[in-house]
Protein backbone atom coordinates (compact mmCIF):
# COMPACT_ATOMS: atom_id res chain seq x y z
CA MET A 1 55.26 116.96 84.26
CA SER A 2 59.06 117.15 83.91
CA VAL A 3 62.00 115.53 85.68
CA SER A 4 62.35 118.60 87.90
CA THR A 5 58.73 118.66 89.13
CA ASN A 6 59.18 116.31 92.09
CA PHE A 7 62.34 118.11 93.20
CA ILE A 8 60.63 121.51 92.99
CA LYS A 9 57.71 120.32 95.12
CA ARG A 10 59.99 118.66 97.69
CA PRO A 11 62.50 121.34 98.73
CA ILE A 12 63.67 119.58 101.90
CA GLY A 13 64.56 116.36 100.13
CA THR A 14 66.29 118.28 97.33
CA THR A 15 68.28 120.31 99.86
CA LEU A 16 69.35 117.17 101.72
CA LEU A 17 70.47 115.60 98.44
CA ALA A 18 72.63 118.66 97.68
CA ALA A 19 73.98 118.70 101.25
CA ALA A 20 74.91 115.01 100.96
CA ILE A 21 76.90 115.70 97.78
CA LEU A 22 78.60 118.66 99.48
CA LEU A 23 79.54 116.78 102.66
CA VAL A 24 80.74 113.61 100.94
CA GLY A 25 82.91 115.61 98.56
CA ALA A 26 84.37 117.71 101.38
CA ALA A 27 85.06 114.56 103.43
CA VAL A 28 86.93 112.63 100.72
CA PHE A 29 88.86 115.60 99.30
CA PRO A 30 91.70 115.27 101.88
CA LEU A 31 91.81 111.52 101.22
CA LEU A 32 92.62 111.83 97.52
CA PRO A 33 96.25 110.95 96.73
CA VAL A 34 98.38 113.80 95.41
CA ALA A 35 100.71 113.18 92.47
CA PRO A 36 102.27 115.16 89.62
CA LEU A 37 100.53 113.00 86.97
CA PRO A 38 97.82 110.32 86.93
CA GLN A 39 98.82 106.91 88.22
CA VAL A 40 99.50 104.75 85.16
CA ASP A 41 100.68 101.21 85.86
CA PHE A 42 102.97 100.07 83.06
CA PRO A 43 103.18 96.25 82.95
CA THR A 44 106.97 96.15 83.19
CA LEU A 45 109.31 93.54 84.66
CA GLN A 46 113.05 93.79 85.26
CA VAL A 47 115.20 90.65 85.22
CA SER A 48 118.61 90.73 86.94
CA ALA A 49 121.46 88.22 86.70
CA ASN A 50 124.89 88.40 88.36
CA LEU A 51 128.18 86.68 87.64
CA PRO A 52 130.95 88.34 89.70
CA GLY A 53 134.06 89.16 87.73
CA ALA A 54 132.58 88.61 84.28
CA SER A 55 133.20 91.25 81.62
CA PRO A 56 130.30 93.14 80.01
CA GLU A 57 130.88 91.17 76.78
CA THR A 58 130.65 87.87 78.65
CA MET A 59 127.51 88.95 80.47
CA ALA A 60 125.88 90.06 77.21
CA SER A 61 126.70 86.91 75.22
CA ASN A 62 126.53 84.17 77.87
CA VAL A 63 123.87 85.51 80.25
CA ALA A 64 121.69 88.17 78.65
CA GLN A 65 121.43 86.60 75.19
CA PRO A 66 120.06 83.16 76.27
CA LEU A 67 117.48 84.90 78.44
CA GLU A 68 116.50 87.29 75.64
CA ARG A 69 115.87 84.39 73.25
CA GLN A 70 113.36 82.89 75.67
CA PHE A 71 111.74 86.22 76.55
CA ALA A 72 111.22 87.04 72.86
CA GLN A 73 108.75 84.14 72.63
CA ILE A 74 106.40 85.61 75.28
CA SER A 75 103.16 86.95 73.81
CA GLY A 76 102.28 90.59 74.42
CA LEU A 77 105.91 91.72 74.82
CA ALA A 78 106.05 95.28 73.48
CA GLN A 79 109.65 96.21 74.21
CA MET A 80 112.80 94.51 75.54
CA THR A 81 115.99 96.31 76.49
CA SER A 82 119.08 95.01 78.26
CA ILE A 83 122.13 96.54 79.91
CA SER A 84 125.23 94.47 80.67
CA GLY A 85 128.07 95.64 82.88
CA ILE A 86 130.88 94.11 84.88
CA GLY A 87 129.36 91.10 86.61
CA SER A 88 125.70 92.01 86.04
CA SER A 89 122.99 92.14 83.39
CA GLN A 90 119.58 93.78 83.57
CA ILE A 91 116.81 93.04 81.09
CA THR A 92 113.72 95.26 81.10
CA LEU A 93 110.55 93.77 79.63
CA GLN A 94 107.64 96.11 78.86
CA PHE A 95 104.34 94.48 77.88
CA ASP A 96 101.21 95.74 76.17
CA LEU A 97 99.12 97.99 78.40
CA ASP A 98 96.21 95.53 78.37
CA ARG A 99 98.45 92.64 79.54
CA GLN A 100 98.01 91.54 83.15
CA ILE A 101 101.32 91.97 84.98
CA ASP A 102 100.84 88.83 87.10
CA ALA A 103 100.24 86.64 84.05
CA ALA A 104 103.29 88.19 82.36
CA ALA A 105 105.35 87.42 85.46
CA LEU A 106 104.43 83.74 85.23
CA ASP A 107 105.53 83.68 81.58
CA VAL A 108 108.82 85.37 82.49
CA GLN A 109 109.45 82.83 85.26
CA ALA A 110 108.81 79.97 82.82
CA ALA A 111 111.18 81.54 80.26
CA MET A 112 113.90 81.91 82.90
CA THR A 113 113.51 78.25 83.83
CA ALA A 114 113.74 77.22 80.17
CA ALA A 115 116.97 79.22 79.76
CA THR A 116 118.67 77.64 82.82
CA GLY A 117 120.49 74.99 80.77
CA GLN A 118 122.02 77.66 78.50
CA LEU A 119 123.33 79.85 81.33
CA PRO A 120 126.83 79.51 82.86
CA ALA A 121 127.01 76.76 85.48
CA ASN A 122 128.93 79.01 87.91
CA LEU A 123 126.18 81.58 88.35
CA PRO A 124 126.05 82.19 92.13
CA SER A 125 122.25 82.43 92.03
CA PRO A 126 119.50 82.05 89.40
CA PRO A 127 118.25 85.20 87.61
CA THR A 128 115.59 87.12 89.49
CA TYR A 129 112.80 89.46 88.39
CA ARG A 130 110.72 92.19 89.99
CA LYS A 131 107.85 94.42 88.96
CA ILE A 132 108.75 98.01 88.26
CA ASN A 133 106.94 101.12 87.07
CA PRO A 134 109.19 103.31 84.88
CA ALA A 135 106.85 106.25 85.56
CA ASP A 136 107.62 106.11 89.30
CA SER A 137 110.73 108.18 89.87
CA PRO A 138 112.05 108.50 93.44
CA ILE A 139 110.16 111.02 95.55
CA MET A 140 113.11 111.64 97.87
CA LEU A 141 116.88 111.22 97.72
CA ILE A 142 118.68 110.99 101.08
CA ALA A 143 122.46 111.32 101.43
CA VAL A 144 124.21 109.35 104.19
CA GLN A 145 127.86 110.26 104.79
CA SER A 146 130.49 110.72 107.49
CA LYS A 147 133.68 112.74 107.83
CA THR A 148 135.33 110.23 110.16
CA LEU A 149 133.92 106.75 109.51
CA ALA A 150 134.80 104.57 106.54
CA LEU A 151 132.19 104.44 103.80
CA THR A 152 131.74 100.70 104.38
CA GLN A 153 130.63 101.44 107.95
CA VAL A 154 128.32 104.18 106.71
CA ASN A 155 126.84 101.67 104.25
CA ASP A 156 126.12 99.31 107.16
CA TYR A 157 124.04 101.96 108.98
CA ALA A 158 122.31 103.04 105.76
CA ASP A 159 121.40 99.49 104.74
CA ASN A 160 120.54 97.83 108.06
CA ILE A 161 118.93 100.73 109.92
CA LEU A 162 117.86 103.64 107.70
CA ALA A 163 116.66 101.74 104.60
CA GLN A 164 114.77 99.14 106.62
CA GLN A 165 113.09 101.70 108.89
CA ILE A 166 112.12 104.03 106.03
CA SER A 167 110.69 101.14 103.99
CA GLN A 168 108.26 100.42 106.87
CA ILE A 169 106.78 103.95 106.76
CA LYS A 170 103.25 104.07 105.36
CA GLY A 171 103.23 105.02 101.69
CA VAL A 172 106.84 103.99 101.00
CA GLY A 173 107.07 101.31 98.34
CA LEU A 174 110.80 100.74 97.85
CA VAL A 175 114.11 102.12 99.12
CA ASN A 176 116.97 101.63 96.67
CA ILE A 177 120.57 102.09 97.81
CA TYR A 178 122.91 103.77 95.33
CA GLY A 179 126.67 103.83 95.74
CA VAL A 180 126.60 100.60 97.78
CA GLN A 181 129.87 100.04 99.67
CA LYS A 182 129.46 96.66 101.38
CA PRO A 183 132.58 95.67 103.32
CA ALA A 184 134.89 93.04 101.85
CA VAL A 185 138.49 91.81 102.12
CA ARG A 186 140.72 91.95 99.04
CA ILE A 187 143.75 89.67 98.84
CA GLN A 188 146.44 91.03 96.52
CA LEU A 189 149.00 88.38 95.47
CA ASP A 190 152.18 88.76 93.42
CA PRO A 191 151.91 86.45 90.36
CA ALA A 192 155.72 86.28 90.07
CA LYS A 193 156.09 84.94 93.61
CA LEU A 194 153.29 82.45 92.99
CA ALA A 195 155.02 81.18 89.85
CA THR A 196 158.31 80.81 91.73
CA LEU A 197 156.63 78.51 94.25
CA GLY A 198 154.74 76.59 91.55
CA LEU A 199 151.35 77.93 92.60
CA SER A 200 148.62 79.14 90.28
CA LEU A 201 146.08 81.85 90.98
CA GLU A 202 143.29 79.26 90.77
CA GLU A 203 144.92 77.09 93.45
CA ALA A 204 145.27 80.13 95.70
CA ARG A 205 141.65 81.11 95.05
CA THR A 206 140.44 77.61 95.96
CA VAL A 207 142.31 77.64 99.26
CA ILE A 208 141.05 81.12 100.10
CA ALA A 209 137.46 80.17 99.26
CA ASN A 210 137.60 77.10 101.49
CA THR A 211 139.27 78.87 104.39
CA SER A 212 136.38 80.99 105.60
CA VAL A 213 133.24 78.89 105.15
CA ASN A 214 130.26 79.00 107.46
CA GLN A 215 129.27 75.34 107.71
CA PRO A 216 128.52 72.70 110.39
CA LYS A 217 131.59 71.55 112.28
CA GLY A 218 130.25 68.23 113.63
CA THR A 219 129.55 66.61 117.00
CA ILE A 220 131.44 65.00 119.86
CA ASN A 221 129.72 61.83 120.97
CA GLY A 222 130.37 60.46 124.45
CA ALA A 223 129.06 57.55 126.45
CA SER A 224 126.18 59.52 127.89
CA GLN A 225 126.24 62.91 126.17
CA SER A 226 126.58 64.34 122.69
CA PHE A 227 127.97 67.81 122.04
CA THR A 228 127.48 69.84 118.86
CA VAL A 229 130.57 71.76 117.88
CA TYR A 230 129.89 75.45 117.21
CA THR A 231 132.71 77.70 116.11
CA ASP A 232 132.75 80.84 114.04
CA ASP A 233 135.93 80.62 112.00
CA GLN A 234 134.91 83.19 109.39
CA LEU A 235 137.51 85.89 108.85
CA LEU A 236 135.80 89.27 108.59
CA SER A 237 138.79 91.61 108.54
CA ALA A 238 142.02 91.82 106.58
CA ALA A 239 144.52 91.23 109.41
CA PRO A 240 143.73 87.51 110.04
CA TRP A 241 143.85 86.79 106.31
CA ASN A 242 147.54 87.67 106.19
CA ASP A 243 148.22 84.58 108.35
CA VAL A 244 146.21 82.16 106.17
CA ILE A 245 148.35 79.29 104.83
CA LEU A 246 148.07 78.92 101.05
CA ALA A 247 150.44 75.97 100.61
CA TRP A 248 153.38 74.05 102.09
CA ARG A 249 156.80 73.99 100.52
CA SER A 250 159.69 71.97 101.99
CA GLY A 251 157.77 71.55 105.21
CA ALA A 252 157.31 75.32 105.64
CA PRO A 253 153.94 77.15 105.38
CA ILE A 254 153.42 79.71 102.65
CA ARG A 255 151.16 82.42 104.03
CA VAL A 256 149.29 85.24 102.32
CA ARG A 257 151.74 87.84 103.69
CA ASP A 258 154.58 85.97 102.01
CA LEU A 259 153.01 86.44 98.58
CA GLY A 260 151.10 89.70 98.99
CA VAL A 261 148.78 91.47 101.37
CA ALA A 262 145.13 91.44 102.47
CA VAL A 263 143.39 94.82 102.66
CA ASP A 264 139.97 95.96 103.80
CA GLY A 265 137.79 97.63 101.19
CA PRO A 266 134.39 97.73 99.50
CA GLU A 267 132.85 94.74 97.77
CA ASN A 268 132.59 96.64 94.46
CA THR A 269 135.06 99.41 93.75
CA LYS A 270 133.30 100.31 90.48
CA ILE A 271 130.24 101.75 92.28
CA VAL A 272 130.40 105.06 94.08
CA GLY A 273 127.99 107.83 95.04
CA TYR A 274 129.04 111.47 94.99
CA VAL A 275 127.45 114.67 96.26
CA PHE A 276 128.56 117.68 94.24
CA SER A 277 128.42 121.34 95.18
CA GLY A 278 125.47 122.15 92.92
CA ALA A 279 123.25 119.54 94.54
CA ALA A 280 124.49 120.38 98.01
CA ALA A 281 123.69 124.06 97.57
CA SER A 282 120.07 123.26 96.75
CA ALA A 283 119.58 120.77 99.58
CA GLN A 284 117.67 121.67 102.70
CA ASN A 285 120.57 120.93 105.06
CA THR A 286 124.32 121.40 105.06
CA ILE A 287 125.77 118.50 103.10
CA THR A 288 129.45 117.76 102.75
CA ASN A 289 130.58 117.42 99.15
CA GLY A 290 132.18 114.07 98.38
CA ARG A 291 131.45 110.35 98.56
CA SER A 292 128.15 109.28 100.03
CA ILE A 293 125.58 106.50 100.26
CA MET A 294 122.31 107.47 98.54
CA LEU A 295 118.86 106.24 99.57
CA ALA A 296 116.29 106.66 96.78
CA VAL A 297 112.74 106.42 98.18
CA THR A 298 109.87 105.40 95.86
CA LYS A 299 106.24 105.61 96.93
CA GLU A 300 103.60 102.89 96.77
CA PRO A 301 101.14 103.02 93.84
CA GLY A 302 98.23 105.31 94.75
CA ALA A 303 99.90 106.68 97.89
CA ASN A 304 99.71 110.40 98.67
CA VAL A 305 103.20 111.58 97.80
CA ILE A 306 103.01 114.66 100.04
CA ASP A 307 101.80 112.71 103.09
CA THR A 308 104.46 110.07 102.49
CA VAL A 309 107.28 112.62 102.39
CA ASP A 310 105.90 114.35 105.49
CA ARG A 311 105.99 111.02 107.37
CA ILE A 312 109.59 110.43 106.27
CA GLN A 313 110.61 113.93 107.36
CA ALA A 314 108.93 113.36 110.73
CA ALA A 315 110.79 110.04 111.18
CA LEU A 316 114.26 111.35 110.27
CA PRO A 317 115.05 112.82 113.75
CA ARG A 318 114.29 109.45 115.35
CA LEU A 319 116.41 107.64 112.75
CA ARG A 320 119.33 110.03 113.25
CA ALA A 321 119.23 109.27 116.97
CA ALA A 322 119.53 105.51 116.25
CA ILE A 323 122.92 105.85 114.52
CA PRO A 324 126.21 107.44 115.62
CA PRO A 325 126.23 111.27 115.52
CA THR A 326 129.23 111.18 113.18
CA VAL A 327 126.96 109.81 110.43
CA GLU A 328 125.12 112.64 108.66
CA VAL A 329 121.66 111.97 107.22
CA ASN A 330 120.40 114.77 104.99
CA VAL A 331 117.66 115.16 102.41
CA LEU A 332 119.34 115.81 99.09
CA ILE A 333 116.28 115.99 96.81
CA ASP A 334 112.61 116.37 97.75
CA ARG A 335 110.39 116.11 94.66
CA THR A 336 107.32 117.18 96.60
CA GLN A 337 108.58 120.77 96.61
CA THR A 338 107.73 121.15 92.92
CA ILE A 339 104.61 118.99 93.29
CA ARG A 340 103.32 121.13 96.17
CA ALA A 341 103.99 124.33 94.23
CA SER A 342 102.33 122.97 91.09
CA VAL A 343 99.24 121.67 92.91
CA GLN A 344 98.90 124.87 94.95
CA ASP A 345 99.16 126.95 91.78
CA VAL A 346 96.44 124.93 90.06
CA GLU A 347 94.23 125.08 93.17
CA PHE A 348 94.64 128.87 93.28
CA THR A 349 93.75 129.02 89.58
CA LEU A 350 90.65 126.94 90.31
CA LEU A 351 89.50 129.29 93.09
CA LEU A 352 90.25 132.34 90.95
CA THR A 353 88.24 130.83 88.08
CA ILE A 354 85.26 130.27 90.37
CA ALA A 355 85.47 133.86 91.64
CA LEU A 356 85.66 135.28 88.10
CA VAL A 357 82.72 133.17 86.91
CA VAL A 358 80.56 134.36 89.82
CA MET A 359 81.60 137.97 89.19
CA VAL A 360 80.67 137.76 85.50
CA ILE A 361 77.30 136.21 86.40
CA PHE A 362 76.61 139.06 88.83
CA MET A 363 77.61 141.70 86.28
CA PHE A 364 75.03 140.42 83.81
CA LEU A 365 72.23 139.45 86.19
CA ARG A 366 72.78 142.28 88.74
CA ASN A 367 70.73 140.35 91.26
CA VAL A 368 72.16 138.70 94.36
CA ALA A 369 69.61 135.86 94.50
CA ALA A 370 69.86 135.23 90.75
CA THR A 371 73.66 135.18 91.04
CA LEU A 372 73.83 132.81 94.01
CA ILE A 373 71.48 130.21 92.48
CA PRO A 374 73.78 129.22 89.56
CA SER A 375 76.87 129.87 91.68
CA VAL A 376 75.84 127.08 94.06
CA THR A 377 76.20 124.67 91.15
CA VAL A 378 79.98 125.19 90.96
CA PRO A 379 81.10 123.88 94.39
CA LEU A 380 78.46 121.14 94.36
CA ALA A 381 79.52 119.87 90.94
CA LEU A 382 83.22 120.01 91.83
CA LEU A 383 82.81 118.28 95.20
CA GLY A 384 80.49 115.69 93.68
CA THR A 385 83.17 114.99 91.08
CA VAL A 386 85.79 114.69 93.82
CA ALA A 387 83.64 112.04 95.53
CA VAL A 388 83.40 109.98 92.34
CA MET A 389 87.15 110.45 91.70
CA TYR A 390 87.83 108.89 95.08
CA LEU A 391 85.61 105.90 94.23
CA VAL A 392 87.30 105.23 90.88
CA GLY A 393 90.83 105.69 92.28
CA PHE A 394 91.82 108.99 90.66
CA SER A 395 94.34 111.38 92.22
CA LEU A 396 94.74 115.12 92.58
CA ASP A 397 97.31 115.84 89.90
CA ASN A 398 97.98 118.47 87.29
CA LEU A 399 95.66 116.89 84.73
CA SER A 400 92.69 116.22 87.02
CA LEU A 401 92.94 119.69 88.60
CA MET A 402 93.16 121.22 85.13
CA ALA A 403 89.99 119.29 84.22
CA LEU A 404 88.21 120.69 87.29
CA THR A 405 89.41 124.20 86.41
CA ILE A 406 88.12 124.23 82.85
CA SER A 407 84.89 122.55 84.01
CA VAL A 408 83.96 125.62 86.07
CA GLY A 409 82.87 127.42 82.92
CA PHE A 410 80.84 124.42 81.79
CA VAL A 411 78.93 123.69 84.98
CA VAL A 412 77.32 127.13 85.28
CA ASP A 413 75.96 127.06 81.73
CA ASP A 414 73.19 124.58 82.52
CA ALA A 415 72.15 126.43 85.68
CA ILE A 416 72.09 129.79 83.87
CA VAL A 417 69.95 128.39 81.05
CA MET A 418 67.51 127.05 83.63
CA LEU A 419 67.56 130.27 85.67
CA GLU A 420 66.98 132.63 82.76
CA ASN A 421 64.12 130.61 81.32
CA ILE A 422 62.37 130.54 84.72
CA TYR A 423 63.08 134.24 85.32
CA ARG A 424 61.54 135.05 81.94
CA HIS A 425 58.22 133.60 83.11
CA VAL A 426 58.49 135.43 86.42
CA GLU A 427 58.87 138.73 84.56
CA ASP A 428 55.74 137.80 82.54
CA GLY A 429 53.75 137.76 85.77
CA MET A 430 53.84 134.12 86.90
CA THR A 431 54.54 133.19 90.50
CA PRO A 432 58.02 131.73 91.13
CA MET A 433 56.51 128.26 91.69
CA GLU A 434 54.54 128.33 88.45
CA ALA A 435 57.49 129.74 86.54
CA ALA A 436 59.81 127.05 87.92
CA LEU A 437 57.45 124.20 86.99
CA LYS A 438 56.87 125.53 83.49
CA GLY A 439 60.39 126.78 82.77
CA ALA A 440 62.07 123.57 83.97
CA GLY A 441 59.87 121.47 81.70
CA GLU A 442 60.73 123.64 78.69
CA VAL A 443 64.52 123.50 78.93
CA ALA A 444 65.20 120.10 80.55
CA PHE A 445 65.88 118.42 77.22
CA THR A 446 67.92 121.42 76.07
CA ILE A 447 70.18 121.19 79.13
CA VAL A 448 70.72 117.48 78.58
CA SER A 449 71.53 118.00 74.90
CA ILE A 450 73.98 120.81 75.70
CA SER A 451 75.81 118.58 78.16
CA VAL A 452 75.86 115.60 75.80
CA SER A 453 77.40 117.76 73.09
CA LEU A 454 80.10 118.91 75.53
CA VAL A 455 80.87 115.34 76.59
CA ALA A 456 81.08 114.29 72.94
CA VAL A 457 84.12 116.55 72.55
CA PHE A 458 86.04 114.37 75.01
CA ILE A 459 85.09 111.02 73.45
CA PRO A 460 88.35 110.84 71.41
CA LEU A 461 90.35 111.24 74.63
CA LEU A 462 88.24 108.59 76.36
CA LEU A 463 88.87 106.12 73.53
CA MET A 464 92.53 106.97 72.94
CA GLY A 465 94.91 104.04 73.45
CA GLY A 466 98.53 103.78 74.43
CA ILE A 467 100.40 105.60 77.17
CA VAL A 468 99.10 109.04 76.15
CA GLY A 469 95.55 107.73 76.26
CA ARG A 470 96.12 106.33 79.75
CA LEU A 471 97.43 109.69 80.94
CA PHE A 472 94.62 111.81 79.47
CA ARG A 473 91.81 109.39 80.29
CA GLU A 474 91.65 110.73 83.85
CA PHE A 475 91.38 114.26 82.46
CA ALA A 476 88.53 113.36 80.10
CA VAL A 477 86.66 111.31 82.70
CA THR A 478 86.94 114.11 85.28
CA VAL A 479 85.49 116.68 82.89
CA THR A 480 82.70 114.27 81.91
CA LEU A 481 81.84 113.56 85.54
CA THR A 482 81.71 117.26 86.37
CA ILE A 483 79.39 118.01 83.46
CA GLY A 484 77.14 115.07 84.34
CA ILE A 485 76.82 116.12 87.98
CA SER A 486 76.12 119.73 86.94
CA VAL A 487 73.22 118.44 84.80
CA ILE A 488 71.76 116.66 87.83
CA ILE A 489 72.08 119.77 89.98
CA SER A 490 70.65 122.03 87.27
CA LEU A 491 67.57 119.81 86.91
CA THR A 492 67.00 119.40 90.65
CA LEU A 493 68.44 122.05 92.95
CA THR A 494 68.45 125.03 90.58
CA PRO A 495 64.69 125.05 89.73
CA MET A 496 63.84 124.40 93.40
CA LEU A 497 65.87 127.44 94.48
CA CYS A 498 64.29 129.51 91.70
CA SER A 499 60.81 128.59 92.91
CA ARG A 500 61.64 129.91 96.41
CA TYR A 501 63.95 132.86 95.96
CA LEU A 502 63.32 134.50 92.56
CA LYS A 503 61.28 137.68 92.60
CA ASN A 504 59.87 139.91 89.91
CA GLU A 505 61.85 143.15 90.18
CA HIS A 506 60.08 144.85 87.33
CA GLY A 507 59.46 148.48 88.32
CA THR A 508 61.87 148.35 91.27
CA ARG A 509 64.13 151.37 91.65
CA HIS A 510 67.82 150.50 91.40
CA GLY A 511 71.01 152.34 92.27
CA LYS A 512 73.32 154.28 89.99
CA LEU A 513 75.67 151.35 89.41
CA PHE A 514 72.77 149.17 88.25
CA GLN A 515 71.57 151.93 85.92
CA LEU A 516 75.10 152.33 84.53
CA PHE A 517 75.35 148.65 83.69
CA GLU A 518 71.82 148.69 82.28
CA ARG A 519 72.63 151.54 79.90
CA GLY A 520 75.77 149.76 78.80
CA PHE A 521 73.91 146.52 78.09
CA ASP A 522 71.15 148.43 76.27
CA ALA A 523 73.74 150.13 74.07
CA LEU A 524 75.35 146.75 73.36
CA LEU A 525 71.97 145.24 72.54
CA ASN A 526 71.04 148.12 70.23
CA GLY A 527 74.36 147.77 68.41
CA TYR A 528 73.72 144.06 67.96
CA LYS A 529 70.22 144.77 66.61
CA ARG A 530 71.55 147.25 64.06
CA GLY A 531 74.22 144.79 62.93
CA LEU A 532 71.67 141.98 62.68
CA ASN A 533 69.30 144.10 60.61
CA LEU A 534 72.16 145.02 58.30
CA VAL A 535 73.06 141.36 57.81
CA LEU A 536 69.45 140.34 57.14
CA ARG A 537 69.06 143.06 54.53
CA HIS A 538 72.12 141.76 52.67
CA GLN A 539 71.76 138.04 53.01
CA PHE A 540 73.48 137.10 49.75
CA ILE A 541 76.57 139.16 50.55
CA THR A 542 76.64 137.62 54.04
CA LEU A 543 76.55 134.12 52.57
CA MET A 544 79.35 134.94 50.18
């Protein structure tokens, strides 16, 4: 009695088992996330520190360096890089792949606290950190621009309406704004006039800083009532700043307009976003070349990138209606175009591979029933693998689809070995049931050993470490799962189908096409026999 005996004698239960695999795989296939490559979470943190007005050299020596000294003492830190610019420093910390990102974040927070005493006292805010994944590039780049409005106004709509609404869409992880143009007022003073009046730039800066401060104004207390004083004395445009008094000389006020001028402008003039003609020509919509605010959309880990982009595209008309019509919102880059094409190409290759495998089986077996029995193994094994992929959190990407494609040739091998051994007994005169019981018992161990030897090929990939190992582990596991499920089907469903549908066609008259193939195979077999006899007669020469 073999493993297959119970399944052969219980065709209804075996059929229901195969149907369950088929239905579960078909149900979860649309739920699998789609991505260009497997989802690999790199334990990476990015620390940011800002000191407005500081030079890159000052940021590197006074801000980045004290933090780097503390970060270097964290265990499991694989790589540390820093970039310092005008008024800002960014330190990227990449940890070992087996390091838990949350534990690393706690160590980074402790290191930042330890470095506080070594940082400049005038930092407007303590350094901050956030988790990032360097493998997650933006899935969509949206350009926001206007031909009539100032870029600072465009930035207001992009930041407060578009970015916030897009970030709430399912599947969107983060919306970064590039080319930020937050509104600000710049006061330009003539140093020569300041020196003439005995004023320094620092004195003027102190007065300006204390002029527009949002702070409590106090209360008016009466005999029976108390009133809180509320007044908004913040100056948000350039015109009122020209009347601000900087000092008094000889009883006369010295105003900003006496020493210079206040102008409206962006908070940071060193940051700008441009749309060039090459990018505009490839965009889906008509985009005006020139300065623009860019919204870079990044997906959540494990989210379906195609579904996420489709939701964003569906929401864009509603978002355009929420802002003035003079503000243009256009998709500049959509990475799903290449992802869709790549996935569709691999899916077509997978279907073509299945069709070619079935055709080759039919050419050699020349029997519809004998062809369909091993052919059933292919969709069942693939859909069963898809179900397990969903459970373990895999995605439909180039590597997993490639694994499914090359597995098509593997999964039919076990079924064909089972089929041919059973068919051999049928041709010897046994009934299909007897042949299935005997043939399945003879080759069960052989099928298992064949599959184990195939899986052994992928053991190095399964055990490979590092980033490359993380990427190819999904490929190796997918192939292994497909082979394992094909073994189960070959030991259960295949012998059951053989016991019901195989027939002895010995002596049956066949058509001309069958006879043509038969003569061709006979000629090929005779040629092989002659070559084998020749080799056996000259064994020593063959060994040499």
